[in-house]
Amino acid sequence: MAAGYALLMGLVIAFVEWALNSLGSSFATSVMLTQLVSLGLTLAGFMLLHLLGARPDWSVRPLASARFPAGY
């Protein structure tokens, strides 16, 4: 899932940079907005993975041990 999200994020960032450059924005504005979009998408991805991991039926079950019997 993380690899697919990274690929999607790269495509979105490339599109944003292309759009800003085609509109004639300055280099500093293009870099700043691209970095802000990248930061926002990264934080959204962390939040998505955190929410998916918080669901007990979607996370990886621990291996059986003395503390956790099989099938925990």
Protein backbone atom coordinates (compact mmCIF):
# COMPACT_ATOMS: atom_id res chain seq x y z
CA MET A 1 0.00 0.00 0.00
CA ALA A 2 2.84 2.39 0.83
CA ALA A 3 4.48 1.85 -2.57
CA GLY A 4 1.24 2.63 -4.40
CA TYR A 5 0.72 5.72 -2.28
CA ALA A 6 4.29 6.89 -3.00
CA LEU A 7 3.73 6.43 -6.74
CA LEU A 8 0.46 8.36 -6.61
CA MET A 9 2.06 11.12 -4.54
CA GLY A 10 4.89 11.46 -7.07
CA LEU A 11 2.41 11.81 -9.92
CA VAL A 12 0.41 14.46 -8.07
CA ILE A 13 3.56 16.43 -7.22
CA ALA A 14 4.76 16.27 -10.83
CA PHE A 15 1.37 17.51 -12.04
CA VAL A 16 1.34 20.38 -9.53
CA GLU A 17 4.85 21.43 -10.54
CA TRP A 18 3.96 21.25 -14.25
CA ALA A 19 0.79 23.29 -13.68
CA LEU A 20 2.64 25.98 -11.73
CA ASN A 21 5.38 26.19 -14.35
CA SER A 22 2.88 26.39 -17.21
CA LEU A 23 1.05 29.25 -15.44
CA GLY A 24 4.32 31.18 -15.35
CA SER A 25 4.87 31.26 -11.60
CA SER A 26 8.31 32.06 -10.24
CA PHE A 27 10.74 29.31 -9.29
CA ALA A 28 10.49 30.14 -5.57
CA THR A 29 6.68 30.03 -5.62
CA SER A 30 6.71 26.76 -7.54
CA VAL A 31 9.14 25.13 -5.11
CA MET A 32 7.32 26.41 -2.02
CA LEU A 33 3.86 25.27 -3.16
CA THR A 34 5.19 21.92 -4.37
CA GLN A 35 6.81 21.31 -0.98
CA LEU A 36 3.61 22.29 0.85
CA VAL A 37 1.56 19.87 -1.27
CA SER A 38 4.15 17.16 -0.67
CA LEU A 39 4.07 17.74 3.08
CA GLY A 40 0.28 17.70 3.12
CA LEU A 41 0.11 14.45 1.14
CA THR A 42 2.74 12.83 3.36
CA LEU A 43 0.82 13.74 6.52
CA ALA A 44 -2.41 12.50 4.93
CA GLY A 45 -0.69 9.20 4.09
CA PHE A 46 0.55 8.79 7.66
CA MET A 47 -2.94 9.50 8.93
CA LEU A 48 -4.41 6.93 6.52
CA LEU A 49 -1.93 4.25 7.59
CA HIS A 50 -2.54 5.11 11.26
CA LEU A 51 -6.30 4.77 10.84
CA LEU A 52 -5.97 1.49 8.95
CA GLY A 53 -3.59 0.11 11.58
CA ALA A 54 -5.93 1.08 14.41
CA ARG A 55 -8.64 -1.27 13.15
CA PRO A 56 -8.10 -4.66 14.77
CA ASP A 57 -9.36 -6.61 11.78
CA TRP A 58 -7.05 -4.81 9.30
CA SER A 59 -3.77 -5.00 11.20
CA VAL A 60 -1.26 -7.83 11.37
CA ARG A 61 -1.91 -10.23 14.20
CA PRO A 62 0.99 -10.92 16.61
CA LEU A 63 2.72 -14.28 16.60
CA ALA A 64 1.80 -16.78 19.31
CA SER A 65 3.93 -16.48 22.44
CA ALA A 66 3.62 -17.10 26.16
CA ARG A 67 1.92 -13.75 26.59
CA PHE A 68 -0.36 -14.09 23.54
CA PRO A 69 -1.74 -17.59 22.89
CA ALA A 70 -2.36 -18.72 19.34
CA GLY A 71 -5.35 -17.10 17.73
CA TYR A 72 -5.20 -13.92 19.81
